Amino acid sequence: MRKLVPLFLLTGVMIACTDRKEVPKDILKKEKMQEVMWDMVSAGEFLNGYILNKDSVDRFSESAKVYAQVLQFHQVTREQFEKSYLYYRQHPDLMKVIMDSLATRQVQPDEIYKPKEDSVKADTAIKLADTIARAADADSARRRIPKKVPLN
């Protein structure tokens, strides 16, 4: 009996020290869930802004259709998503990480239309190179045209 007590204590410590943040195999991994959730939120915004504001639209069927397309795009079944969503809701520390990533990922409307700095620099460099090439061509064309020589 005395030999079994340390074994039970060791087993208890090992169980207590295991990583509880590891997601079970049948649950979507955190990164995949972030991607699916982001697209679900985006789909909801699309539905509210462009589809569901019309009177003649069957709201339930249109919503189901768009959300099914998101799940199909990510190759996730509805059951997988619902089970994973329930799991993350039951583990608020993991759900907080996912939701925080969605909040930081939010794109501001003016950022969508603003060109990236690298593309502006590339456009400027191309225009500058084109201007230099045209100037060189014009300069060489001037040298080829003979000057008018007065006829006697």
Protein backbone atom coordinates (compact mmCIF):
# COMPACT_ATOMS: atom_id res chain seq x y z
CA MET A 1 0.00 0.00 0.00
CA ARG A 2 2.81 2.40 0.88
CA LYS A 3 4.37 1.81 -2.51
CA LEU A 4 1.15 2.74 -4.30
CA VAL A 5 0.77 6.17 -2.63
CA PRO A 6 3.76 7.74 -4.48
CA LEU A 7 2.51 6.21 -7.71
CA PHE A 8 -0.92 7.82 -7.24
CA LEU A 9 0.68 11.15 -6.32
CA LEU A 10 2.92 11.04 -9.38
CA THR A 11 -0.03 10.20 -11.61
CA GLY A 12 -2.05 13.04 -10.10
CA VAL A 13 0.77 15.53 -10.66
CA MET A 14 1.20 14.41 -14.27
CA ILE A 15 -2.51 14.81 -14.96
CA ALA A 16 -2.60 18.22 -13.29
CA CYS A 17 0.42 19.46 -15.25
CA THR A 18 -0.75 18.43 -18.70
CA ASP A 19 -1.49 21.14 -21.21
CA ARG A 20 -5.23 21.72 -21.06
CA LYS A 21 -5.07 24.16 -23.94
CA GLU A 22 -4.44 21.35 -26.38
CA VAL A 23 -7.50 20.98 -28.53
CA PRO A 24 -8.99 17.49 -29.05
CA LYS A 25 -8.54 15.91 -32.47
CA ASP A 26 -12.19 16.22 -33.49
CA ILE A 27 -12.21 19.98 -32.78
CA LEU A 28 -10.96 22.55 -35.28
CA LYS A 29 -7.50 23.86 -34.41
CA LYS A 30 -7.31 27.43 -33.16
CA GLU A 31 -5.84 28.81 -36.40
CA LYS A 32 -8.46 27.09 -38.57
CA MET A 33 -11.23 28.25 -36.24
CA GLN A 34 -9.93 31.82 -36.51
CA GLU A 35 -10.09 31.66 -40.30
CA VAL A 36 -13.59 30.17 -40.33
CA MET A 37 -14.87 32.63 -37.72
CA TRP A 38 -13.41 35.59 -39.65
CA ASP A 39 -15.19 34.49 -42.81
CA MET A 40 -18.41 33.85 -40.87
CA VAL A 41 -18.30 37.37 -39.44
CA SER A 42 -17.54 38.80 -42.89
CA ALA A 43 -20.41 36.79 -44.38
CA GLY A 44 -22.74 38.13 -41.69
CA GLU A 45 -21.71 41.69 -42.52
CA PHE A 46 -22.30 41.00 -46.20
CA LEU A 47 -25.73 39.54 -45.49
CA ASN A 48 -26.78 42.45 -43.29
CA GLY A 49 -25.48 45.08 -45.67
CA TYR A 50 -26.53 43.76 -49.05
CA ILE A 51 -28.93 40.82 -48.88
CA LEU A 52 -31.16 40.92 -45.81
CA ASN A 53 -32.17 44.56 -46.17
CA LYS A 54 -34.47 43.67 -49.08
CA ASP A 55 -38.11 42.93 -48.30
CA SER A 56 -38.55 40.06 -50.75
CA VAL A 57 -35.69 37.97 -49.37
CA ASP A 58 -36.21 34.82 -47.32
CA ARG A 59 -33.75 35.71 -44.56
CA PHE A 60 -33.29 32.22 -43.18
CA SER A 61 -32.62 30.47 -46.48
CA GLU A 62 -30.26 33.20 -47.74
CA SER A 63 -28.30 33.19 -44.48
CA ALA A 64 -28.07 29.39 -44.49
CA LYS A 65 -26.87 29.44 -48.09
CA VAL A 66 -24.09 31.99 -47.46
CA TYR A 67 -22.88 30.36 -44.24
CA ALA A 68 -22.87 26.95 -45.99
CA GLN A 69 -20.66 28.44 -48.70
CA VAL A 70 -18.20 29.66 -46.05
CA LEU A 71 -18.05 26.20 -44.47
CA GLN A 72 -17.67 24.56 -47.87
CA PHE A 73 -14.83 26.94 -48.75
CA HIS A 74 -12.97 25.90 -45.59
CA GLN A 75 -13.87 22.23 -46.10
CA VAL A 76 -15.60 22.06 -42.72
CA THR A 77 -18.94 20.41 -42.06
CA ARG A 78 -21.66 22.17 -40.14
CA GLU A 79 -21.39 19.55 -37.40
CA GLN A 80 -17.61 20.09 -37.09
CA PHE A 81 -18.10 23.83 -36.84
CA GLU A 82 -20.91 23.61 -34.29
CA LYS A 83 -18.99 21.11 -32.14
CA SER A 84 -15.85 23.25 -32.31
CA TYR A 85 -17.78 26.43 -31.55
CA LEU A 86 -19.37 24.79 -28.52
CA TYR A 87 -15.96 23.56 -27.34
CA TYR A 88 -14.41 27.02 -27.60
CA ARG A 89 -17.41 28.59 -25.85
CA GLN A 90 -16.86 26.14 -22.98
CA HIS A 91 -13.18 27.16 -22.85
CA PRO A 92 -13.30 30.96 -22.55
CA ASP A 93 -9.51 31.34 -22.40
CA LEU A 94 -9.22 29.77 -25.86
CA MET A 95 -12.25 31.63 -27.22
CA LYS A 96 -10.77 34.93 -26.03
CA VAL A 97 -7.65 34.33 -28.12
CA ILE A 98 -9.78 33.68 -31.20
CA MET A 99 -12.01 36.69 -30.65
CA ASP A 100 -9.05 38.97 -29.95
CA SER A 101 -7.45 37.86 -33.21
CA LEU A 102 -10.66 38.77 -35.05
CA ALA A 103 -10.72 42.20 -33.41
CA THR A 104 -7.13 42.95 -34.40
CA ARG A 105 -7.75 41.63 -37.91
CA GLN A 106 -10.60 44.06 -38.51
CA VAL A 107 -9.96 46.08 -41.65
CA GLN A 108 -10.84 49.75 -41.70
CA PRO A 109 -12.75 50.85 -44.85
CA ASP A 110 -10.15 53.47 -45.80
CA GLU A 111 -7.38 50.83 -45.63
CA ILE A 112 -9.10 48.76 -48.31
CA TYR A 113 -8.73 51.46 -50.95
CA LYS A 114 -5.38 52.84 -49.86
CA PRO A 115 -2.56 51.48 -52.04
CA LYS A 116 0.30 49.83 -50.24
CA GLU A 117 3.43 51.91 -49.89
CA ASP A 118 5.51 49.39 -51.84
CA SER A 119 3.18 49.54 -54.83
CA VAL A 120 3.32 53.36 -54.77
CA LYS A 121 7.12 53.24 -54.74
CA ALA A 122 7.14 50.70 -57.58
CA ASP A 123 4.76 52.86 -59.66
CA THR A 124 6.92 55.91 -59.03
CA ALA A 125 10.08 54.02 -60.00
CA ILE A 126 8.46 52.77 -63.22
CA LYS A 127 7.26 56.26 -64.14
CA LEU A 128 10.70 57.71 -63.42
CA ALA A 129 12.41 55.05 -65.56
CA ASP A 130 9.91 55.70 -68.37
CA THR A 131 10.52 59.46 -68.21
CA ILE A 132 14.29 58.94 -68.36
CA ALA A 133 13.94 56.57 -71.32
CA ARG A 134 11.74 59.06 -73.20
CA ALA A 135 14.18 61.87 -72.51
CA ALA A 136 17.06 59.74 -73.81
CA ASP A 137 15.08 58.82 -76.94
CA ALA A 138 14.18 62.44 -77.58
CA ASP A 139 17.79 63.51 -77.08
CA SER A 140 19.07 60.86 -79.52
CA ALA A 141 16.38 61.82 -82.04
CA ARG A 142 17.54 65.42 -81.92
CA ARG A 143 21.07 64.34 -82.70
CA ARG A 144 19.94 62.38 -85.78
CA ILE A 145 18.05 65.24 -87.39
CA PRO A 146 20.49 67.32 -89.38
CA LYS A 147 20.49 71.00 -88.78
CA LYS A 148 19.13 73.12 -91.56
CA VAL A 149 21.88 74.25 -93.78
CA PRO A 150 21.19 77.38 -95.78
CA LEU A 151 21.19 76.75 -99.47
CA ASN A 152 23.29 79.10 -101.64
